Amino acid sequence: LALAIDPTLVRTRPAHIGVDLSGTYAFGATIADYWGERGEKDNARIAHEVDADRFFKLMFDLLRD
């Protein structure tokens, strides 16, 4: 929800996200290929860095109001 209000709270990068349907890793688990090792086309953006101070300030301000 915080990102809908302020998308600059995080830095993102592209990655391929899939779901393990074979049970190879953990059946039904969401798996992110951060480094493109599988050669699949990126289909999502993942957050890899958060401005925690700004995030908590936003949350506290919203809760206070």
PDB file of N, CA and C in Angstrom:
ATOM      1  N   LEU A   1       0.820  -1.185   0.000  1.00  0.00           N
ATOM      2  CA  LEU A   1       0.000   0.000   0.000  1.00  0.00           C
ATOM      3  C   LEU A   1       0.869   1.256   0.000  1.00  0.00           C
ATOM      4  N   ALA A   2       1.962   1.211   0.743  1.00  0.00           N
ATOM      5  CA  ALA A   2       2.846   2.378   0.802  1.00  0.00           C
ATOM      6  C   ALA A   2       3.369   2.740  -0.584  1.00  0.00           C
ATOM      7  N   LEU A   3       3.648   1.746  -1.414  1.00  0.00           N
ATOM      8  CA  LEU A   3       4.173   2.022  -2.752  1.00  0.00           C
ATOM      9  C   LEU A   3       3.133   2.652  -3.660  1.00  0.00           C
ATOM     10  N   ALA A   4       1.872   2.376  -3.416  1.00  0.00           N
ATOM     11  CA  ALA A   4       0.821   3.029  -4.198  1.00  0.00           C
ATOM     12  C   ALA A   4       0.778   4.521  -3.883  1.00  0.00           C
ATOM     13  N   ILE A   5       1.112   4.870  -2.655  1.00  0.00           N
ATOM     14  CA  ILE A   5       1.130   6.270  -2.234  1.00  0.00           C
ATOM     15  C   ILE A   5       2.407   6.957  -2.694  1.00  0.00           C
ATOM     16  N   ASP A   6       3.536   6.268  -2.532  1.00  0.00           N
ATOM     17  CA  ASP A   6       4.829   6.864  -2.890  1.00  0.00           C
ATOM     18  C   ASP A   6       5.762   5.798  -3.462  1.00  0.00           C
ATOM     19  N   PRO A   7       5.752   5.601  -4.782  1.00  0.00           N
ATOM     20  CA  PRO A   7       6.588   4.573  -5.397  1.00  0.00           C
ATOM     21  C   PRO A   7       8.090   4.836  -5.279  1.00  0.00           C
ATOM     22  N   THR A   8       8.488   6.037  -4.855  1.00  0.00           N
ATOM     23  CA  THR A   8       9.920   6.326  -4.719  1.00  0.00           C
ATOM     24  C   THR A   8      10.496   5.781  -3.410  1.00  0.00           C
ATOM     25  N   LEU A   9       9.678   5.109  -2.603  1.00  0.00           N
ATOM     26  CA  LEU A   9      10.173   4.541  -1.344  1.00  0.00           C
ATOM     27  C   LEU A   9      11.125   3.373  -1.569  1.00  0.00           C
ATOM     28  N   VAL A  10      11.053   2.748  -2.738  1.00  0.00           N
ATOM     29  CA  VAL A  10      11.900   1.583  -3.014  1.00  0.00           C
ATOM     30  C   VAL A  10      12.599   1.738  -4.352  1.00  0.00           C
ATOM     31  N   ARG A  11      13.703   1.033  -4.474  1.00  0.00           N
ATOM     32  CA  ARG A  11      14.367   0.877  -5.769  1.00  0.00           C
ATOM     33  C   ARG A  11      14.025  -0.520  -6.247  1.00  0.00           C
ATOM     34  N   THR A  12      13.711  -0.632  -7.524  1.00  0.00           N
ATOM     35  CA  THR A  12      13.330  -1.927  -8.076  1.00  0.00           C
ATOM     36  C   THR A  12      14.248  -2.319  -9.217  1.00  0.00           C
ATOM     37  N   ARG A  13      14.159  -3.590  -9.575  1.00  0.00           N
ATOM     38  CA  ARG A  13      14.900  -4.086 -10.725  1.00  0.00           C
ATOM     39  C   ARG A  13      14.062  -5.149 -11.413  1.00  0.00           C
ATOM     40  N   PRO A  14      14.254  -5.352 -12.694  1.00  0.00           N
ATOM     41  CA  PRO A  14      13.476  -6.368 -13.401  1.00  0.00           C
ATOM     42  C   PRO A  14      13.943  -7.777 -13.036  1.00  0.00           C
ATOM     43  N   ALA A  15      13.019  -8.717 -13.083  1.00  0.00           N
ATOM     44  CA  ALA A  15      13.339 -10.121 -12.827  1.00  0.00           C
ATOM     45  C   ALA A  15      12.216 -10.984 -13.385  1.00  0.00           C
ATOM     46  N   HIS A  16      12.502 -12.266 -13.518  1.00  0.00           N
ATOM     47  CA  HIS A  16      11.455 -13.217 -13.899  1.00  0.00           C
ATOM     48  C   HIS A  16      10.927 -13.865 -12.628  1.00  0.00           C
ATOM     49  N   ILE A  17       9.603 -13.870 -12.483  1.00  0.00           N
ATOM     50  CA  ILE A  17       8.949 -14.502 -11.350  1.00  0.00           C
ATOM     51  C   ILE A  17       8.141 -15.675 -11.887  1.00  0.00           C
ATOM     52  N   GLY A  18       8.275 -16.818 -11.230  1.00  0.00           N
ATOM     53  CA  GLY A  18       7.510 -17.998 -11.618  1.00  0.00           C
ATOM     54  C   GLY A  18       6.983 -18.716 -10.395  1.00  0.00           C
ATOM     55  N   VAL A  19       6.157 -19.722 -10.635  1.00  0.00           N
ATOM     56  CA  VAL A  19       5.614 -20.547  -9.560  1.00  0.00           C
ATOM     57  C   VAL A  19       6.057 -21.976  -9.810  1.00  0.00           C
ATOM     58  N   ASP A  20       6.613 -22.622  -8.793  1.00  0.00           N
ATOM     59  CA  ASP A  20       7.069 -24.006  -8.915  1.00  0.00           C
ATOM     60  C   ASP A  20       5.860 -24.934  -8.920  1.00  0.00           C
ATOM     61  N   LEU A  21       5.554 -25.481 -10.089  1.00  0.00           N
ATOM     62  CA  LEU A  21       4.435 -26.412 -10.211  1.00  0.00           C
ATOM     63  C   LEU A  21       4.905 -27.857 -10.307  1.00  0.00           C
ATOM     64  N   SER A  22       6.223 -28.064 -10.285  1.00  0.00           N
ATOM     65  CA  SER A  22       6.762 -29.417 -10.410  1.00  0.00           C
ATOM     66  C   SER A  22       7.165 -30.016  -9.075  1.00  0.00           C
ATOM     67  N   GLY A  23       7.281 -29.189  -8.056  1.00  0.00           N
ATOM     68  CA  GLY A  23       7.748 -29.681  -6.766  1.00  0.00           C
ATOM     69  C   GLY A  23       9.261 -29.743  -6.674  1.00  0.00           C
ATOM     70  N   THR A  24       9.974 -29.181  -7.656  1.00  0.00           N
ATOM     71  CA  THR A  24      11.438 -29.196  -7.650  1.00  0.00           C
ATOM     72  C   THR A  24      11.997 -28.471  -6.435  1.00  0.00           C
ATOM     73  N   TYR A  25      11.421 -27.329  -6.111  1.00  0.00           N
ATOM     74  CA  TYR A  25      11.901 -26.535  -4.979  1.00  0.00           C
ATOM     75  C   TYR A  25      10.918 -26.622  -3.819  1.00  0.00           C
ATOM     76  N   ALA A  26       9.711 -26.226  -4.069  1.00  0.00           N
ATOM     77  CA  ALA A  26       8.643 -26.289  -3.071  1.00  0.00           C
ATOM     78  C   ALA A  26       7.346 -26.048  -3.828  1.00  0.00           C
ATOM     79  N   PHE A  27       6.564 -27.070  -3.992  1.00  0.00           N
ATOM     80  CA  PHE A  27       5.361 -26.987  -4.816  1.00  0.00           C
ATOM     81  C   PHE A  27       4.514 -25.772  -4.444  1.00  0.00           C
ATOM     82  N   GLY A  28       4.211 -24.959  -5.446  1.00  0.00           N
ATOM     83  CA  GLY A  28       3.383 -23.781  -5.239  1.00  0.00           C
ATOM     84  C   GLY A  28       4.146 -22.544  -4.796  1.00  0.00           C
ATOM     85  N   ALA A  29       5.446 -22.673  -4.582  1.00  0.00           N
ATOM     86  CA  ALA A  29       6.248 -21.534  -4.118  1.00  0.00           C
ATOM     87  C   ALA A  29       6.504 -20.557  -5.265  1.00  0.00           C
ATOM     88  N   THR A  30       6.516 -19.282  -4.934  1.00  0.00           N
ATOM     89  CA  THR A  30       6.885 -18.248  -5.888  1.00  0.00           C
ATOM     90  C   THR A  30       8.403 -18.167  -5.914  1.00  0.00           C
ATOM     91  N   ILE A  31       8.967 -18.195  -7.114  1.00  0.00           N
ATOM     92  CA  ILE A  31      10.424 -18.205  -7.259  1.00  0.00           C
ATOM     93  C   ILE A  31      10.845 -17.028  -8.131  1.00  0.00           C
ATOM     94  N   ALA A  32      11.788 -16.248  -7.627  1.00  0.00           N
ATOM     95  CA  ALA A  32      12.309 -15.096  -8.367  1.00  0.00           C
ATOM     96  C   ALA A  32      13.698 -15.431  -8.898  1.00  0.00           C
ATOM     97  N   ASP A  33      13.895 -15.220 -10.194  1.00  0.00           N
ATOM     98  CA  ASP A  33      15.207 -15.396 -10.816  1.00  0.00           C
ATOM     99  C   ASP A  33      15.853 -14.014 -10.890  1.00  0.00           C
ATOM    100  N   TYR A  34      16.542 -13.641  -9.809  1.00  0.00           N
ATOM    101  CA  TYR A  34      17.131 -12.307  -9.683  1.00  0.00           C
ATOM    102  C   TYR A  34      18.206 -12.029 -10.725  1.00  0.00           C
ATOM    103  N   TRP A  35      18.956 -13.042 -11.101  1.00  0.00           N
ATOM    104  CA  TRP A  35      20.136 -12.834 -11.947  1.00  0.00           C
ATOM    105  C   TRP A  35      19.955 -13.335 -13.374  1.00  0.00           C
ATOM    106  N   GLY A  36      18.748 -13.753 -13.739  1.00  0.00           N
ATOM    107  CA  GLY A  36      18.497 -14.186 -15.110  1.00  0.00           C
ATOM    108  C   GLY A  36      19.157 -15.493 -15.469  1.00  0.00           C
ATOM    109  N   GLU A  37      19.430 -16.338 -14.495  1.00  0.00           N
ATOM    110  CA  GLU A  37      20.131 -17.602 -14.738  1.00  0.00           C
ATOM    111  C   GLU A  37      19.334 -18.570 -15.606  1.00  0.00           C
ATOM    112  N   ARG A  38      18.014 -18.478 -15.570  1.00  0.00           N
ATOM    113  CA  ARG A  38      17.182 -19.408 -16.340  1.00  0.00           C
ATOM    114  C   ARG A  38      16.942 -18.926 -17.765  1.00  0.00           C
ATOM    115  N   GLY A  39      17.316 -17.687 -18.062  1.00  0.00           N
ATOM    116  CA  GLY A  39      17.147 -17.154 -19.407  1.00  0.00           C
ATOM    117  C   GLY A  39      15.712 -16.806 -19.770  1.00  0.00           C
ATOM    118  N   GLU A  40      14.841 -16.707 -18.786  1.00  0.00           N
ATOM    119  CA  GLU A  40      13.437 -16.362 -19.028  1.00  0.00           C
ATOM    120  C   GLU A  40      13.287 -14.840 -19.105  1.00  0.00           C
ATOM    121  N   LYS A  41      12.313 -14.394 -19.877  1.00  0.00           N
ATOM    122  CA  LYS A  41      12.052 -12.962 -20.027  1.00  0.00           C
ATOM    123  C   LYS A  41      11.542 -12.383 -18.704  1.00  0.00           C
ATOM    124  N   ASP A  42      12.041 -11.203 -18.339  1.00  0.00           N
ATOM    125  CA  ASP A  42      11.574 -10.526 -17.126  1.00  0.00           C
ATOM    126  C   ASP A  42      10.076 -10.260 -17.238  1.00  0.00           C
ATOM    127  N   ASN A  43       9.357 -10.533 -16.153  1.00  0.00           N
ATOM    128  CA  ASN A  43       7.910 -10.315 -16.164  1.00  0.00           C
ATOM    129  C   ASN A  43       7.426  -9.544 -14.932  1.00  0.00           C
ATOM    130  N   ALA A  44       8.385  -9.014 -14.160  1.00  0.00           N
ATOM    131  CA  ALA A  44       8.024  -8.269 -12.948  1.00  0.00           C
ATOM    132  C   ALA A  44       9.175  -7.358 -12.550  1.00  0.00           C
ATOM    133  N   ARG A  45       8.885  -6.473 -11.629  1.00  0.00           N
ATOM    134  CA  ARG A  45       9.930  -5.654 -11.004  1.00  0.00           C
ATOM    135  C   ARG A  45       9.922  -6.009  -9.535  1.00  0.00           C
ATOM    136  N   ILE A  46      11.104  -6.255  -8.973  1.00  0.00           N
ATOM    137  CA  ILE A  46      11.201  -6.617  -7.562  1.00  0.00           C
ATOM    138  C   ILE A  46      11.918  -5.508  -6.801  1.00  0.00           C
ATOM    139  N   ALA A  47      11.464  -5.272  -5.593  1.00  0.00           N
ATOM    140  CA  ALA A  47      12.096  -4.257  -4.749  1.00  0.00           C
ATOM    141  C   ALA A  47      13.363  -4.842  -4.147  1.00  0.00           C
ATOM    142  N   HIS A  48      14.452  -4.088  -4.195  1.00  0.00           N
ATOM    143  CA  HIS A  48      15.705  -4.579  -3.621  1.00  0.00           C
ATOM    144  C   HIS A  48      16.317  -3.591  -2.632  1.00  0.00           C
ATOM    145  N   GLU A  49      15.730  -2.419  -2.516  1.00  0.00           N
ATOM    146  CA  GLU A  49      16.231  -1.431  -1.561  1.00  0.00           C
ATOM    147  C   GLU A  49      15.057  -0.572  -1.094  1.00  0.00           C
ATOM    148  N   VAL A  50      14.961  -0.371   0.212  1.00  0.00           N
ATOM    149  CA  VAL A  50      13.858   0.400   0.792  1.00  0.00           C
ATOM    150  C   VAL A  50      14.418   1.566   1.594  1.00  0.00           C
ATOM    151  N   ASP A  51      13.819   2.732   1.439  1.00  0.00           N
ATOM    152  CA  ASP A  51      14.159   3.877   2.284  1.00  0.00           C
ATOM    153  C   ASP A  51      13.328   3.735   3.557  1.00  0.00           C
ATOM    154  N   ALA A  52      13.874   3.012   4.524  1.00  0.00           N
ATOM    155  CA  ALA A  52      13.134   2.644   5.737  1.00  0.00           C
ATOM    156  C   ALA A  52      12.675   3.862   6.528  1.00  0.00           C
ATOM    157  N   ASP A  53      13.505   4.871   6.630  1.00  0.00           N
ATOM    158  CA  ASP A  53      13.114   6.065   7.391  1.00  0.00           C
ATOM    159  C   ASP A  53      11.864   6.712   6.794  1.00  0.00           C
ATOM    160  N   ARG A  54      11.859   6.880   5.484  1.00  0.00           N
ATOM    161  CA  ARG A  54      10.696   7.480   4.822  1.00  0.00           C
ATOM    162  C   ARG A  54       9.477   6.567   4.894  1.00  0.00           C
ATOM    163  N   PHE A  55       9.706   5.255   4.778  1.00  0.00           N
ATOM    164  CA  PHE A  55       8.598   4.304   4.867  1.00  0.00           C
ATOM    165  C   PHE A  55       7.913   4.398   6.228  1.00  0.00           C
ATOM    166  N   PHE A  56       8.701   4.339   7.306  1.00  0.00           N
ATOM    167  CA  PHE A  56       8.113   4.384   8.639  1.00  0.00           C
ATOM    168  C   PHE A  56       7.464   5.736   8.931  1.00  0.00           C
ATOM    169  N   LYS A  57       8.060   6.812   8.431  1.00  0.00           N
ATOM    170  CA  LYS A  57       7.440   8.129   8.619  1.00  0.00           C
ATOM    171  C   LYS A  57       6.069   8.160   7.953  1.00  0.00           C
ATOM    172  N   LEU A  58       5.997   7.650   6.730  1.00  0.00           N
ATOM    173  CA  LEU A  58       4.717   7.611   6.028  1.00  0.00           C
ATOM    174  C   LEU A  58       3.698   6.777   6.802  1.00  0.00           C
ATOM    175  N   MET A  59       4.099   5.600   7.265  1.00  0.00           N
ATOM    176  CA  MET A  59       3.175   4.728   7.998  1.00  0.00           C
ATOM    177  C   MET A  59       2.683   5.390   9.285  1.00  0.00           C
ATOM    178  N   PHE A  60       3.590   5.976  10.045  1.00  0.00           N
ATOM    179  CA  PHE A  60       3.195   6.631  11.293  1.00  0.00           C
ATOM    180  C   PHE A  60       2.285   7.832  11.029  1.00  0.00           C
ATOM    181  N   ASP A  61       2.590   8.596   9.985  1.00  0.00           N
ATOM    182  CA  ASP A  61       1.738   9.738   9.633  1.00  0.00           C
ATOM    183  C   ASP A  61       0.331   9.273   9.253  1.00  0.00           C
ATOM    184  N   LEU A  62       0.245   8.189   8.487  1.00  0.00           N
ATOM    185  CA  LEU A  62      -1.063   7.672   8.084  1.00  0.00           C
ATOM    186  C   LEU A  62      -1.845   7.126   9.277  1.00  0.00           C
ATOM    187  N   LEU A  63      -1.158   6.442  10.171  1.00  0.00           N
ATOM    188  CA  LEU A  63      -1.829   5.883  11.347  1.00  0.00           C
ATOM    189  C   LEU A  63      -2.286   6.979  12.306  1.00  0.00           C
ATOM    190  N   ARG A  64      -1.489   8.024  12.405  1.00  0.00           N
ATOM    191  CA  ARG A  64      -1.819   9.130  13.301  1.00  0.00           C
ATOM    192  C   ARG A  64      -3.067   9.874  12.814  1.00  0.00           C
ATOM    193  N   ASP A  65      -3.169  10.021  11.492  1.00  0.00           N
ATOM    194  CA  ASP A  65      -4.316  10.744  10.925  1.00  0.00           C
ATOM    195  C   ASP A  65      -5.522   9.846  10.975  1.00  0.00           C
TER     196      ASP A  65
END
